[in-house]
Amino acid sequence: MGELVMVAFVLGMLVLFVLGFIGLANPRWVGLKRRSRSSVVYFGSAVICLFIAVALTPESSRESDGAESRPQEDTDHGVASNGAEPIEYVALRELISSFADLTEAQRDRWREDNGWKHWVYGTCVVSEVSSTSWMSEIADASYEVTCELPNDDRAVLFYDDSREEEVMDLRRGDVLDFRGRLKTIRHWGFWSSGYVQVN
């Protein structure tokens, strides 16, 4: 729910910026008499919306994920690099399906209890490839690949610089097999997204 409120404030900020520019052209179009007043009212309100949106950004999106220790996977054998115990992979599609059946309060608790706990795998169809931004779920990654899962949910895969060439070769519509560590799942009304650090 917090994400939707944040998106609403960002959209409100954009609308206020547009109204501010319209007020600069002709202040009467926005119901004010002077350009200076329309600038202060609309641009000031837009800046306030920006600060509120940043304040509502989940802490998990802003903090550096590098502080958390994540054992690295040995891709040949499926065991942690320290050799402690085998990694058990779970289908991301199954986790998202069970997550979608939860109430909002249960989803919040699930996210608190299960952050970085699951190693997941899956197959998806690439729909978007981009660089990460300050609003990305995993801030210390370099690339973000959004994929469609077979049940209309999404996998958002995060890659570091060492996988740049592999990421640059991806095109929309490519079928992609992935394995990695799940940070969290978020529900967006009509679909859910799983955020995965690919190894």
C-alpha atoms as a PDB file:
ATOM      1  CA  MET A   1       0.000   0.000   0.000  1.00  0.00           C
ATOM      2  CA  GLY A   2       2.882   2.360   0.819  1.00  0.00           C
ATOM      3  CA  GLU A   3       4.240   1.962  -2.716  1.00  0.00           C
ATOM      4  CA  LEU A   4       0.911   3.043  -4.214  1.00  0.00           C
ATOM      5  CA  VAL A   5       0.798   6.152  -2.009  1.00  0.00           C
ATOM      6  CA  MET A   6       4.366   6.978  -3.054  1.00  0.00           C
ATOM      7  CA  VAL A   7       3.434   6.589  -6.742  1.00  0.00           C
ATOM      8  CA  ALA A   8       0.405   8.843  -6.173  1.00  0.00           C
ATOM      9  CA  PHE A   9       2.661  11.561  -4.715  1.00  0.00           C
ATOM     10  CA  VAL A  10       5.091  11.266  -7.643  1.00  0.00           C
ATOM     11  CA  LEU A  11       2.210  11.597 -10.121  1.00  0.00           C
ATOM     12  CA  GLY A  12       0.847  14.542  -8.133  1.00  0.00           C
ATOM     13  CA  MET A  13       4.283  16.158  -8.302  1.00  0.00           C
ATOM     14  CA  LEU A  14       4.336  15.799 -12.094  1.00  0.00           C
ATOM     15  CA  VAL A  15       0.844  17.310 -12.414  1.00  0.00           C
ATOM     16  CA  LEU A  16       1.865  20.240 -10.211  1.00  0.00           C
ATOM     17  CA  PHE A  17       4.983  20.836 -12.349  1.00  0.00           C
ATOM     18  CA  VAL A  18       2.846  20.915 -15.492  1.00  0.00           C
ATOM     19  CA  LEU A  19       0.401  23.339 -13.834  1.00  0.00           C
ATOM     20  CA  GLY A  20       3.375  25.472 -12.775  1.00  0.00           C
ATOM     21  CA  PHE A  21       4.542  25.768 -16.378  1.00  0.00           C
ATOM     22  CA  ILE A  22       1.011  26.534 -17.546  1.00  0.00           C
ATOM     23  CA  GLY A  23       0.826  29.224 -14.845  1.00  0.00           C
ATOM     24  CA  LEU A  24       4.042  30.751 -16.173  1.00  0.00           C
ATOM     25  CA  ALA A  25       2.491  30.992 -19.632  1.00  0.00           C
ATOM     26  CA  ASN A  26      -0.830  32.428 -18.442  1.00  0.00           C
ATOM     27  CA  PRO A  27      -1.618  32.502 -14.702  1.00  0.00           C
ATOM     28  CA  ARG A  28      -5.353  32.928 -15.320  1.00  0.00           C
ATOM     29  CA  TRP A  29      -5.510  29.434 -16.841  1.00  0.00           C
ATOM     30  CA  VAL A  30      -4.686  27.998 -13.414  1.00  0.00           C
ATOM     31  CA  GLY A  31      -6.903  30.386 -11.452  1.00  0.00           C
ATOM     32  CA  LEU A  32      -4.247  32.832 -10.218  1.00  0.00           C
ATOM     33  CA  LYS A  33      -3.565  36.457 -11.090  1.00  0.00           C
ATOM     34  CA  ARG A  34       0.233  36.659 -11.172  1.00  0.00           C
ATOM     35  CA  ARG A  35       3.007  34.518 -12.608  1.00  0.00           C
ATOM     36  CA  SER A  36       5.085  34.744  -9.448  1.00  0.00           C
ATOM     37  CA  ARG A  37       2.205  33.478  -7.308  1.00  0.00           C
ATOM     38  CA  SER A  38       1.466  30.545  -9.654  1.00  0.00           C
ATOM     39  CA  SER A  39       5.177  29.630  -9.660  1.00  0.00           C
ATOM     40  CA  VAL A  40       5.376  29.644  -5.874  1.00  0.00           C
ATOM     41  CA  VAL A  41       2.112  27.735  -5.393  1.00  0.00           C
ATOM     42  CA  TYR A  42       2.582  24.999  -8.002  1.00  0.00           C
ATOM     43  CA  PHE A  43       6.362  24.542  -8.016  1.00  0.00           C
ATOM     44  CA  GLY A  44       6.455  24.744  -4.208  1.00  0.00           C
ATOM     45  CA  SER A  45       3.717  22.119  -3.943  1.00  0.00           C
ATOM     46  CA  ALA A  46       5.578  19.907  -6.412  1.00  0.00           C
ATOM     47  CA  VAL A  47       8.750  20.094  -4.303  1.00  0.00           C
ATOM     48  CA  ILE A  48       6.765  19.206  -1.177  1.00  0.00           C
ATOM     49  CA  CYS A  49       5.274  16.182  -3.019  1.00  0.00           C
ATOM     50  CA  LEU A  50       8.790  15.148  -4.015  1.00  0.00           C
ATOM     51  CA  PHE A  51       9.968  15.194  -0.387  1.00  0.00           C
ATOM     52  CA  ILE A  52       6.926  13.209   0.735  1.00  0.00           C
ATOM     53  CA  ALA A  53       7.473  10.618  -2.025  1.00  0.00           C
ATOM     54  CA  VAL A  54      11.120  10.202  -0.988  1.00  0.00           C
ATOM     55  CA  ALA A  55      10.071   9.859   2.657  1.00  0.00           C
ATOM     56  CA  LEU A  56       7.548   7.163   1.686  1.00  0.00           C
ATOM     57  CA  THR A  57      10.103   5.166  -0.304  1.00  0.00           C
ATOM     58  CA  PRO A  58      10.561   1.876   1.571  1.00  0.00           C
ATOM     59  CA  GLU A  59      13.751   1.712   3.601  1.00  0.00           C
ATOM     60  CA  SER A  60      14.616  -1.505   1.794  1.00  0.00           C
ATOM     61  CA  SER A  61      14.868   0.418  -1.491  1.00  0.00           C
ATOM     62  CA  ARG A  62      17.133   3.116  -0.108  1.00  0.00           C
ATOM     63  CA  GLU A  63      19.527   1.188   2.093  1.00  0.00           C
ATOM     64  CA  SER A  64      22.594  -0.437   0.660  1.00  0.00           C
ATOM     65  CA  ASP A  65      22.074  -4.140   0.342  1.00  0.00           C
ATOM     66  CA  GLY A  66      25.794  -4.712   0.307  1.00  0.00           C
ATOM     67  CA  ALA A  67      25.859  -4.691   4.110  1.00  0.00           C
ATOM     68  CA  GLU A  68      23.934  -7.931   4.238  1.00  0.00           C
ATOM     69  CA  SER A  69      26.051 -11.001   3.770  1.00  0.00           C
ATOM     70  CA  ARG A  70      24.832 -13.206   0.980  1.00  0.00           C
ATOM     71  CA  PRO A  71      26.612 -16.493   0.401  1.00  0.00           C
ATOM     72  CA  GLN A  72      27.554 -16.904  -3.223  1.00  0.00           C
ATOM     73  CA  GLU A  73      26.306 -19.867  -5.215  1.00  0.00           C
ATOM     74  CA  ASP A  74      28.645 -22.307  -6.934  1.00  0.00           C
ATOM     75  CA  THR A  75      26.654 -22.693 -10.144  1.00  0.00           C
ATOM     76  CA  ASP A  76      28.137 -26.083 -11.004  1.00  0.00           C
ATOM     77  CA  HIS A  77      27.111 -27.831  -7.812  1.00  0.00           C
ATOM     78  CA  GLY A  78      24.360 -25.675  -6.299  1.00  0.00           C
ATOM     79  CA  VAL A  79      26.139 -25.278  -2.977  1.00  0.00           C
ATOM     80  CA  ALA A  80      27.208 -22.176  -1.074  1.00  0.00           C
ATOM     81  CA  SER A  81      30.783 -21.087  -1.752  1.00  0.00           C
ATOM     82  CA  ASN A  82      31.816 -21.892   1.828  1.00  0.00           C
ATOM     83  CA  GLY A  83      30.656 -25.489   1.248  1.00  0.00           C
ATOM     84  CA  ALA A  84      28.443 -25.433   4.357  1.00  0.00           C
ATOM     85  CA  GLU A  85      25.203 -26.878   3.003  1.00  0.00           C
ATOM     86  CA  PRO A  86      23.460 -27.399  -0.317  1.00  0.00           C
ATOM     87  CA  ILE A  87      21.177 -24.642  -1.549  1.00  0.00           C
ATOM     88  CA  GLU A  88      17.582 -25.672  -2.012  1.00  0.00           C
ATOM     89  CA  TYR A  89      15.927 -23.813  -4.874  1.00  0.00           C
ATOM     90  CA  VAL A  90      12.194 -23.024  -4.959  1.00  0.00           C
ATOM     91  CA  ALA A  91      10.187 -22.086  -8.058  1.00  0.00           C
ATOM     92  CA  LEU A  92       9.583 -18.328  -7.943  1.00  0.00           C
ATOM     93  CA  ARG A  93       6.193 -18.872  -9.577  1.00  0.00           C
ATOM     94  CA  GLU A  94       5.059 -21.045  -6.628  1.00  0.00           C
ATOM     95  CA  LEU A  95       6.202 -18.493  -4.037  1.00  0.00           C
ATOM     96  CA  ILE A  96       4.412 -15.662  -5.843  1.00  0.00           C
ATOM     97  CA  SER A  97       1.264 -17.756  -6.192  1.00  0.00           C
ATOM     98  CA  SER A  98       1.105 -18.448  -2.447  1.00  0.00           C
ATOM     99  CA  PHE A  99       1.966 -14.795  -1.703  1.00  0.00           C
ATOM    100  CA  ALA A 100      -0.962 -13.547  -3.823  1.00  0.00           C
ATOM    101  CA  ASP A 101      -3.438 -15.436  -1.612  1.00  0.00           C
ATOM    102  CA  LEU A 102      -2.341 -13.564   1.540  1.00  0.00           C
ATOM    103  CA  THR A 103      -4.011 -10.487   3.054  1.00  0.00           C
ATOM    104  CA  GLU A 104      -2.136  -7.170   3.048  1.00  0.00           C
ATOM    105  CA  ALA A 105      -1.105  -7.627   6.705  1.00  0.00           C
ATOM    106  CA  GLN A 106       0.066 -11.185   6.013  1.00  0.00           C
ATOM    107  CA  ARG A 107       2.069  -9.961   3.015  1.00  0.00           C
ATOM    108  CA  ASP A 108       3.826  -7.358   5.180  1.00  0.00           C
ATOM    109  CA  ARG A 109       4.722 -10.028   7.724  1.00  0.00           C
ATOM    110  CA  TRP A 110       5.855 -12.412   4.961  1.00  0.00           C
ATOM    111  CA  ARG A 111       8.202  -9.732   3.590  1.00  0.00           C
ATOM    112  CA  GLU A 112       9.650  -9.090   7.060  1.00  0.00           C
ATOM    113  CA  ASP A 113      10.203 -12.793   7.755  1.00  0.00           C
ATOM    114  CA  ASN A 114      11.423 -13.918   4.334  1.00  0.00           C
ATOM    115  CA  GLY A 115      13.782 -11.215   3.038  1.00  0.00           C
ATOM    116  CA  TRP A 116      16.794 -12.888   1.341  1.00  0.00           C
ATOM    117  CA  LYS A 117      15.752 -16.326   2.694  1.00  0.00           C
ATOM    118  CA  HIS A 118      14.775 -18.092  -0.536  1.00  0.00           C
ATOM    119  CA  TRP A 119      16.896 -19.239  -3.446  1.00  0.00           C
ATOM    120  CA  VAL A 120      14.661 -19.296  -6.512  1.00  0.00           C
ATOM    121  CA  TYR A 121      14.649 -20.404 -10.112  1.00  0.00           C
ATOM    122  CA  GLY A 122      12.324 -19.888 -13.035  1.00  0.00           C
ATOM    123  CA  THR A 123      11.772 -19.266 -16.724  1.00  0.00           C
ATOM    124  CA  CYS A 124      10.376 -15.972 -17.992  1.00  0.00           C
ATOM    125  CA  VAL A 125      10.026 -13.783 -21.089  1.00  0.00           C
ATOM    126  CA  VAL A 126      12.058 -10.557 -21.109  1.00  0.00           C
ATOM    127  CA  SER A 127       9.927  -7.402 -21.359  1.00  0.00           C
ATOM    128  CA  GLU A 128      12.351  -4.649 -20.245  1.00  0.00           C
ATOM    129  CA  VAL A 129      16.095  -4.190 -19.669  1.00  0.00           C
ATOM    130  CA  SER A 130      17.396  -1.077 -17.903  1.00  0.00           C
ATOM    131  CA  SER A 131      20.002   0.292 -15.545  1.00  0.00           C
ATOM    132  CA  THR A 132      19.096   0.429 -11.887  1.00  0.00           C
ATOM    133  CA  SER A 133      18.100   3.704 -10.230  1.00  0.00           C
ATOM    134  CA  TRP A 134      17.801   5.018  -6.696  1.00  0.00           C
ATOM    135  CA  MET A 135      14.258   3.624  -6.601  1.00  0.00           C
ATOM    136  CA  SER A 136      15.317   0.084  -7.569  1.00  0.00           C
ATOM    137  CA  GLU A 137      14.555  -2.628  -5.037  1.00  0.00           C
ATOM    138  CA  ILE A 138      18.193  -3.784  -5.000  1.00  0.00           C
ATOM    139  CA  ALA A 139      20.342  -0.671  -5.052  1.00  0.00           C
ATOM    140  CA  ASP A 140      23.815  -2.207  -5.378  1.00  0.00           C
ATOM    141  CA  ALA A 141      23.036  -3.986  -8.678  1.00  0.00           C
ATOM    142  CA  SER A 142      23.819  -2.403 -12.037  1.00  0.00           C
ATOM    143  CA  TYR A 143      21.093  -3.779 -14.308  1.00  0.00           C
ATOM    144  CA  GLU A 144      17.404  -4.562 -13.886  1.00  0.00           C
ATOM    145  CA  VAL A 145      15.646  -7.042 -16.190  1.00  0.00           C
ATOM    146  CA  THR A 146      11.841  -7.274 -15.968  1.00  0.00           C
ATOM    147  CA  CYS A 147      10.343 -10.555 -17.163  1.00  0.00           C
ATOM    148  CA  GLU A 148       6.840 -11.944 -17.567  1.00  0.00           C
ATOM    149  CA  LEU A 149       6.166 -15.235 -15.787  1.00  0.00           C
ATOM    150  CA  PRO A 150       3.670 -17.749 -17.249  1.00  0.00           C
ATOM    151  CA  ASN A 151       0.930 -16.745 -14.752  1.00  0.00           C
ATOM    152  CA  ASP A 152       1.046 -12.990 -15.625  1.00  0.00           C
ATOM    153  CA  ASP A 153       3.231 -12.178 -12.623  1.00  0.00           C
ATOM    154  CA  ARG A 154       6.685 -10.679 -13.012  1.00  0.00           C
ATOM    155  CA  ALA A 155      10.243 -11.469 -12.060  1.00  0.00           C
ATOM    156  CA  VAL A 156      12.519  -8.455 -11.670  1.00  0.00           C
ATOM    157  CA  LEU A 157      16.078  -9.730 -12.005  1.00  0.00           C
ATOM    158  CA  PHE A 158      19.093  -7.740 -10.832  1.00  0.00           C
ATOM    159  CA  TYR A 159      22.569  -8.216 -12.311  1.00  0.00           C
ATOM    160  CA  ASP A 160      25.927  -6.747 -11.305  1.00  0.00           C
ATOM    161  CA  ASP A 161      28.618  -5.301 -13.611  1.00  0.00           C
ATOM    162  CA  SER A 162      30.265  -8.678 -14.173  1.00  0.00           C
ATOM    163  CA  ARG A 163      27.196  -9.816 -16.183  1.00  0.00           C
ATOM    164  CA  GLU A 164      27.028  -6.676 -18.375  1.00  0.00           C
ATOM    165  CA  GLU A 165      27.670  -8.454 -21.671  1.00  0.00           C
ATOM    166  CA  GLU A 166      25.009 -11.073 -20.939  1.00  0.00           C
ATOM    167  CA  VAL A 167      22.471  -8.367 -20.048  1.00  0.00           C
ATOM    168  CA  MET A 168      23.280  -6.281 -23.134  1.00  0.00           C
ATOM    169  CA  ASP A 169      22.541  -9.290 -25.362  1.00  0.00           C
ATOM    170  CA  LEU A 170      18.977  -9.620 -24.008  1.00  0.00           C
ATOM    171  CA  ARG A 171      16.081  -8.515 -26.218  1.00  0.00           C
ATOM    172  CA  ARG A 172      12.349  -8.181 -25.595  1.00  0.00           C
ATOM    173  CA  GLY A 173      10.692 -11.540 -26.087  1.00  0.00           C
ATOM    174  CA  ASP A 174      13.798 -13.583 -25.202  1.00  0.00           C
ATOM    175  CA  VAL A 175      13.092 -16.598 -22.994  1.00  0.00           C
ATOM    176  CA  LEU A 176      15.349 -16.482 -19.945  1.00  0.00           C
ATOM    177  CA  ASP A 177      16.144 -19.165 -17.356  1.00  0.00           C
ATOM    178  CA  PHE A 178      17.325 -17.694 -14.064  1.00  0.00           C
ATOM    179  CA  ARG A 179      18.533 -18.674 -10.605  1.00  0.00           C
ATOM    180  CA  GLY A 180      19.212 -16.362  -7.723  1.00  0.00           C
ATOM    181  CA  ARG A 181      18.325 -15.119  -4.278  1.00  0.00           C
ATOM    182  CA  LEU A 182      14.892 -13.605  -3.671  1.00  0.00           C
ATOM    183  CA  LYS A 183      14.897 -10.318  -1.776  1.00  0.00           C
ATOM    184  CA  THR A 184      11.134  -9.803  -1.571  1.00  0.00           C
ATOM    185  CA  ILE A 185       7.787 -10.018  -3.352  1.00  0.00           C
ATOM    186  CA  ARG A 186       5.466  -7.053  -3.876  1.00  0.00           C
ATOM    187  CA  HIS A 187       1.803  -7.166  -4.880  1.00  0.00           C
ATOM    188  CA  TRP A 188       0.633  -4.514  -7.393  1.00  0.00           C
ATOM    189  CA  GLY A 189      -3.089  -5.197  -7.577  1.00  0.00           C
ATOM    190  CA  PHE A 190      -3.325  -7.235 -10.778  1.00  0.00           C
ATOM    191  CA  TRP A 191       0.064  -8.953 -10.492  1.00  0.00           C
ATOM    192  CA  SER A 192       2.922  -9.596  -8.079  1.00  0.00           C
ATOM    193  CA  SER A 193       6.635  -9.080  -8.679  1.00  0.00           C
ATOM    194  CA  GLY A 194       9.501 -11.107  -7.242  1.00  0.00           C
ATOM    195  CA  TYR A 195      12.807  -9.223  -6.882  1.00  0.00           C
ATOM    196  CA  VAL A 196      15.771 -11.547  -7.452  1.00  0.00           C
ATOM    197  CA  GLN A 197      19.539 -10.981  -7.219  1.00  0.00           C
ATOM    198  CA  VAL A 198      20.844 -13.218 -10.009  1.00  0.00           C
ATOM    199  CA  ASN A 199      24.106 -15.003  -9.315  1.00  0.00           C
END
